[in-house]
N, C-alpha and C. Protein backbone atom coordinates (compact mmCIF):
# COMPACT_ATOMS: atom_id res chain seq x y z
N MET A 1 35.21 -63.16 -3.07
CA MET A 1 35.46 -63.95 -1.89
C MET A 1 35.74 -63.02 -0.71
N ALA A 2 35.30 -63.44 0.44
CA ALA A 2 35.53 -62.67 1.66
C ALA A 2 36.90 -63.02 2.24
N LYS A 3 37.45 -62.08 3.00
CA LYS A 3 38.71 -62.34 3.69
C LYS A 3 38.47 -63.30 4.85
N ALA A 4 39.49 -64.07 5.18
CA ALA A 4 39.39 -64.97 6.31
C ALA A 4 39.37 -64.17 7.60
N ALA A 5 38.60 -64.62 8.58
CA ALA A 5 38.51 -63.91 9.85
C ALA A 5 39.75 -64.12 10.70
N SER A 6 40.36 -65.29 10.60
CA SER A 6 41.53 -65.57 11.43
C SER A 6 42.80 -65.56 10.59
N ILE A 7 43.87 -65.04 11.20
CA ILE A 7 45.16 -65.00 10.53
C ILE A 7 46.19 -65.66 11.44
N LYS A 8 47.26 -66.17 10.85
CA LYS A 8 48.34 -66.76 11.62
C LYS A 8 49.33 -65.68 12.01
N ILE A 9 49.80 -65.76 13.25
CA ILE A 9 50.79 -64.80 13.75
C ILE A 9 51.94 -65.55 14.39
N LYS A 10 53.05 -64.87 14.54
CA LYS A 10 54.23 -65.43 15.21
C LYS A 10 54.41 -64.67 16.52
N LEU A 11 54.58 -65.40 17.62
CA LEU A 11 54.87 -64.80 18.91
C LEU A 11 56.35 -64.98 19.19
N LEU A 12 57.11 -63.90 19.10
CA LEU A 12 58.57 -63.94 19.19
C LEU A 12 59.01 -63.55 20.60
N SER A 13 59.99 -64.28 21.13
CA SER A 13 60.50 -64.05 22.47
C SER A 13 61.23 -62.72 22.56
N THR A 14 61.02 -62.01 23.67
CA THR A 14 61.73 -60.76 23.89
C THR A 14 63.09 -61.00 24.55
N ALA A 15 63.42 -62.26 24.83
CA ALA A 15 64.72 -62.58 25.42
C ALA A 15 65.82 -62.70 24.36
N ASP A 16 65.50 -62.41 23.10
CA ASP A 16 66.45 -62.46 21.98
C ASP A 16 67.09 -63.82 21.78
N THR A 17 66.30 -64.89 22.02
CA THR A 17 66.80 -66.24 21.79
C THR A 17 66.40 -66.74 20.41
N GLY A 18 65.46 -66.08 19.77
CA GLY A 18 64.99 -66.52 18.46
C GLY A 18 63.87 -67.52 18.55
N PHE A 19 63.47 -67.91 19.77
CA PHE A 19 62.40 -68.89 19.94
C PHE A 19 61.06 -68.20 19.70
N PHE A 20 60.11 -68.93 19.07
CA PHE A 20 58.80 -68.37 18.79
C PHE A 20 57.72 -69.43 18.86
N TYR A 21 56.52 -68.98 19.11
CA TYR A 21 55.31 -69.80 19.03
C TYR A 21 54.50 -69.28 17.85
N THR A 22 53.64 -70.12 17.30
CA THR A 22 52.68 -69.66 16.29
C THR A 22 51.30 -69.76 16.88
N ALA A 23 50.42 -68.85 16.44
CA ALA A 23 49.06 -68.82 16.96
C ALA A 23 48.16 -68.25 15.87
N LYS A 24 46.87 -68.35 16.11
CA LYS A 24 45.89 -67.73 15.22
C LYS A 24 45.12 -66.70 16.02
N LYS A 25 44.76 -65.61 15.34
CA LYS A 25 43.94 -64.61 16.00
C LYS A 25 42.88 -64.11 15.02
N ASN A 26 41.79 -63.65 15.58
CA ASN A 26 40.71 -63.10 14.78
C ASN A 26 41.07 -61.65 14.47
N ALA A 27 41.36 -61.38 13.22
CA ALA A 27 41.84 -60.06 12.82
C ALA A 27 40.73 -59.00 12.87
N ARG A 28 39.50 -59.42 12.82
CA ARG A 28 38.40 -58.44 12.84
C ARG A 28 38.11 -57.93 14.24
N THR A 29 38.19 -58.80 15.25
CA THR A 29 37.84 -58.38 16.60
C THR A 29 39.05 -58.01 17.44
N LYS A 30 40.21 -58.60 17.19
CA LYS A 30 41.43 -58.33 17.95
C LYS A 30 42.39 -57.55 17.06
N THR A 31 42.27 -56.24 17.06
CA THR A 31 43.08 -55.43 16.16
C THR A 31 44.42 -55.04 16.78
N GLU A 32 44.52 -55.05 18.11
CA GLU A 32 45.78 -54.68 18.75
C GLU A 32 46.76 -55.87 18.71
N LYS A 33 48.03 -55.59 18.94
CA LYS A 33 49.05 -56.64 18.92
C LYS A 33 49.00 -57.43 20.23
N PHE A 34 49.21 -58.74 20.12
CA PHE A 34 49.19 -59.61 21.29
C PHE A 34 50.52 -59.56 22.01
N THR A 35 50.49 -59.68 23.33
CA THR A 35 51.66 -59.92 24.16
C THR A 35 51.27 -60.96 25.20
N PHE A 36 52.06 -62.00 25.33
CA PHE A 36 51.79 -63.06 26.28
C PHE A 36 53.05 -63.33 27.08
N THR A 37 52.88 -63.82 28.29
CA THR A 37 54.00 -64.33 29.07
C THR A 37 53.97 -65.84 28.95
N LYS A 38 54.96 -66.40 28.29
CA LYS A 38 55.03 -67.83 28.04
C LYS A 38 56.45 -68.32 28.33
N TYR A 39 56.61 -69.65 28.31
CA TYR A 39 57.89 -70.26 28.64
C TYR A 39 58.81 -70.29 27.43
N ASP A 40 60.03 -69.83 27.62
CA ASP A 40 61.07 -69.90 26.60
C ASP A 40 62.06 -70.99 27.02
N PRO A 41 62.08 -72.14 26.33
CA PRO A 41 62.96 -73.23 26.75
C PRO A 41 64.44 -72.95 26.55
N ILE A 42 64.79 -72.04 25.67
CA ILE A 42 66.19 -71.70 25.46
C ILE A 42 66.69 -70.84 26.62
N ALA A 43 65.87 -69.87 27.06
CA ALA A 43 66.24 -69.02 28.20
C ALA A 43 65.93 -69.72 29.52
N LYS A 44 65.14 -70.78 29.47
CA LYS A 44 64.73 -71.58 30.64
C LYS A 44 63.99 -70.75 31.69
N LYS A 45 63.11 -69.85 31.22
CA LYS A 45 62.27 -69.08 32.12
C LYS A 45 61.09 -68.51 31.34
N HIS A 46 60.13 -67.98 32.07
CA HIS A 46 58.99 -67.33 31.45
C HIS A 46 59.39 -65.92 31.05
N VAL A 47 59.12 -65.57 29.79
CA VAL A 47 59.41 -64.23 29.28
C VAL A 47 58.21 -63.75 28.48
N GLU A 48 58.23 -62.49 28.11
CA GLU A 48 57.15 -61.92 27.32
C GLU A 48 57.37 -62.23 25.85
N PHE A 49 56.32 -62.61 25.17
CA PHE A 49 56.33 -62.88 23.74
C PHE A 49 55.46 -61.84 23.06
N LYS A 50 55.98 -61.22 21.99
CA LYS A 50 55.24 -60.18 21.28
C LYS A 50 54.91 -60.65 19.87
N GLU A 51 53.82 -60.17 19.36
CA GLU A 51 53.34 -60.56 18.03
C GLU A 51 54.17 -59.93 16.93
N THR A 52 54.55 -60.77 15.95
CA THR A 52 55.20 -60.31 14.73
C THR A 52 54.54 -61.00 13.55
N LYS A 53 54.84 -60.54 12.36
CA LYS A 53 54.28 -61.16 11.17
C LYS A 53 55.04 -62.42 10.80
N ILE A 54 54.32 -63.38 10.22
CA ILE A 54 54.98 -64.56 9.64
C ILE A 54 55.39 -64.20 8.23
N LYS A 55 56.65 -64.39 7.90
CA LYS A 55 57.14 -64.04 6.56
C LYS A 55 56.89 -65.17 5.59
């Protein structure tokens, strides 16, 4: 069997609130780690979210 092209990732807030989003990415074409600026409702502002593994 072949490996799946897309994997699930966790986007964790850098504001240390513990808030996270989940997303899928194509592991074959996007090898670098994702960073997005998204809204953190606990911090009540837009902050940077960095990719971590889902345990």
